[in-house]
Amino acid sequence: MYKRLPILVLCLTVACLGTSACDDSGDNRPGTPAPATSANGAPSKTTREATPAGSSADRAEPRQLTGVLAKLYLKTVRDHYPDMAHISDEALLIHGNAFCAAQGVALADQAKKTMKELGTTSKQTARIMGSAHGYCR
């Protein structure tokens, strides 16, 4: 344990410094001003908030595994988890993309669906989910 303590302290220090470099706006560039406020103290609307609700600016693309990231995801699963060699690349990508798009309770539902459809254990499903989330864009 004492051998790992300096690494833990270093990681926690870097994490604290990384989060303290961000201001309230969520912009992590140093020296950027905070969002403007109106006379009553409420934040003013940004251009994204000022657009109509049905416009394309409000619709965010679902996160997915695409291009090189999809290839890296498959390579990671194939190289590190040989016990999942029986699962096709297409099935891994389909379920990986589903994990990328899922949030909250839907994530647990997707894990159950993956376990049922692919016949994986909970440990294997967690590996698929973790790898997918690591490469989602």
Protein backbone atom coordinates (compact mmCIF):
# COMPACT_ATOMS: atom_id res chain seq x y z
CA MET A 1 0.00 0.00 0.00
CA TYR A 2 2.77 2.43 0.86
CA LYS A 3 4.28 1.92 -2.59
CA ARG A 4 1.06 3.13 -4.23
CA LEU A 5 0.51 6.14 -1.96
CA PRO A 6 2.73 8.60 -3.92
CA ILE A 7 0.95 7.70 -7.15
CA LEU A 8 -2.45 8.19 -5.50
CA VAL A 9 -1.40 11.57 -4.12
CA LEU A 10 -0.12 12.61 -7.55
CA CYS A 11 -3.36 11.56 -9.26
CA LEU A 12 -5.52 13.38 -6.72
CA THR A 13 -3.38 16.52 -7.02
CA VAL A 14 -3.65 16.52 -10.80
CA ALA A 15 -7.40 15.98 -10.58
CA CYS A 16 -7.80 18.87 -8.12
CA LEU A 17 -5.70 21.19 -10.25
CA GLY A 18 -7.61 20.19 -13.36
CA THR A 19 -10.98 20.98 -11.85
CA SER A 20 -9.85 24.23 -10.24
CA ALA A 21 -8.70 25.51 -13.65
CA CYS A 22 -12.32 25.56 -14.85
CA ASP A 23 -14.58 28.49 -14.15
CA ASP A 24 -18.37 28.47 -13.73
CA SER A 25 -18.99 28.59 -17.46
CA GLY A 26 -17.56 25.11 -17.95
CA ASP A 27 -14.98 26.47 -20.37
CA ASN A 28 -11.61 25.12 -19.32
CA ARG A 29 -9.49 27.70 -21.13
CA PRO A 30 -7.68 29.92 -18.63
CA GLY A 31 -8.60 33.57 -18.66
CA THR A 32 -12.04 33.21 -20.26
CA PRO A 33 -14.74 35.40 -18.77
CA ALA A 34 -17.73 33.96 -16.98
CA PRO A 35 -21.08 34.15 -18.78
CA ALA A 36 -22.68 37.56 -18.86
CA THR A 37 -25.54 38.25 -16.50
CA SER A 38 -28.52 40.52 -16.97
CA ALA A 39 -29.52 43.35 -14.65
CA ASN A 40 -31.55 41.04 -12.40
CA GLY A 41 -28.59 38.68 -11.88
CA ALA A 42 -29.89 35.90 -14.12
CA PRO A 43 -27.55 34.56 -16.80
CA SER A 44 -28.25 36.00 -20.22
CA LYS A 45 -29.31 33.66 -22.99
CA THR A 46 -26.57 32.39 -25.23
CA THR A 47 -27.12 31.97 -28.93
CA ARG A 48 -27.88 28.30 -28.46
CA GLU A 49 -30.50 28.98 -25.80
CA ALA A 50 -32.06 31.76 -27.88
CA THR A 51 -32.79 29.49 -30.88
CA PRO A 52 -36.27 27.97 -31.31
CA ALA A 53 -36.83 24.62 -29.61
CA GLY A 54 -37.27 22.71 -32.87
CA SER A 55 -34.11 23.93 -34.57
CA SER A 56 -31.21 21.67 -35.45
CA ALA A 57 -28.89 23.52 -33.04
CA ASP A 58 -30.74 22.04 -30.04
CA ARG A 59 -30.55 18.45 -31.25
CA ALA A 60 -27.35 16.82 -30.12
CA GLU A 61 -26.08 13.86 -32.05
CA PRO A 62 -26.16 10.64 -30.07
CA ARG A 63 -22.73 9.50 -29.01
CA GLN A 64 -21.40 6.62 -31.10
CA LEU A 65 -18.39 4.62 -32.07
CA THR A 66 -17.37 5.78 -35.52
CA GLY A 67 -14.37 5.49 -37.80
CA VAL A 68 -11.04 4.95 -36.10
CA LEU A 69 -12.64 4.91 -32.65
CA ALA A 70 -14.80 1.93 -33.65
CA LYS A 71 -11.71 0.09 -34.84
CA LEU A 72 -9.86 0.89 -31.61
CA TYR A 73 -12.85 -0.29 -29.58
CA LEU A 74 -12.93 -3.62 -31.43
CA LYS A 75 -9.14 -4.01 -31.16
CA THR A 76 -9.29 -3.33 -27.42
CA VAL A 77 -12.00 -5.94 -26.87
CA ARG A 78 -10.25 -8.51 -29.07
CA ASP A 79 -6.78 -7.96 -27.58
CA HIS A 80 -7.73 -7.74 -23.90
CA TYR A 81 -10.75 -10.03 -23.63
CA PRO A 82 -10.11 -13.28 -25.54
CA ASP A 83 -13.08 -14.90 -23.79
CA MET A 84 -15.35 -12.83 -26.03
CA ALA A 85 -13.90 -14.10 -29.32
CA HIS A 86 -17.19 -15.84 -30.16
CA ILE A 87 -19.03 -12.48 -30.42
CA SER A 88 -19.05 -10.93 -33.91
CA ASP A 89 -17.63 -7.48 -34.58
CA GLU A 90 -21.02 -6.26 -35.77
CA ALA A 91 -22.73 -7.35 -32.56
CA LEU A 92 -20.04 -5.69 -30.46
CA LEU A 93 -20.42 -2.44 -32.40
CA ILE A 94 -24.21 -2.50 -32.16
CA HIS A 95 -24.13 -3.00 -28.40
CA GLY A 96 -21.20 -0.60 -27.98
CA ASN A 97 -23.15 2.14 -29.78
CA ALA A 98 -26.17 1.37 -27.62
CA PHE A 99 -24.02 1.81 -24.50
CA CYS A 100 -22.70 5.10 -25.85
CA ALA A 101 -26.21 6.47 -26.34
CA ALA A 102 -27.65 5.17 -23.06
CA GLN A 103 -27.74 7.27 -19.90
CA GLY A 104 -29.16 6.73 -16.44
CA VAL A 105 -31.62 3.88 -16.04
CA ALA A 106 -31.36 3.11 -19.76
CA LEU A 107 -27.75 2.09 -19.17
CA ALA A 108 -28.81 -0.69 -16.79
CA ASP A 109 -31.55 -1.77 -19.19
CA GLN A 110 -29.03 -1.90 -22.02
CA ALA A 111 -26.66 -4.01 -19.90
CA LYS A 112 -29.45 -6.54 -19.27
CA LYS A 113 -30.34 -6.57 -22.96
CA THR A 114 -26.69 -7.12 -23.93
CA MET A 115 -26.30 -9.97 -21.46
CA LYS A 116 -29.43 -11.64 -22.84
CA GLU A 117 -28.68 -11.17 -26.55
CA LEU A 118 -24.94 -11.91 -26.49
CA GLY A 119 -24.98 -14.49 -23.72
CA THR A 120 -22.31 -12.67 -21.74
CA THR A 121 -21.70 -12.62 -18.03
CA SER A 122 -22.03 -9.44 -16.01
CA LYS A 123 -18.24 -9.11 -15.94
CA GLN A 124 -18.00 -9.43 -19.73
CA THR A 125 -20.83 -6.94 -20.17
CA ALA A 126 -19.06 -4.46 -17.90
CA ARG A 127 -15.95 -4.84 -20.06
CA ILE A 128 -17.95 -4.12 -23.22
CA MET A 129 -19.62 -1.13 -21.58
CA GLY A 130 -16.37 0.30 -20.22
CA SER A 131 -14.55 -0.08 -23.51
CA ALA A 132 -17.42 1.50 -25.40
CA HIS A 133 -17.62 4.49 -23.10
CA GLY A 134 -13.87 4.95 -23.40
CA TYR A 135 -14.11 5.38 -27.16
CA CYS A 136 -17.48 7.13 -27.57
CA ARG A 137 -17.44 10.42 -29.41
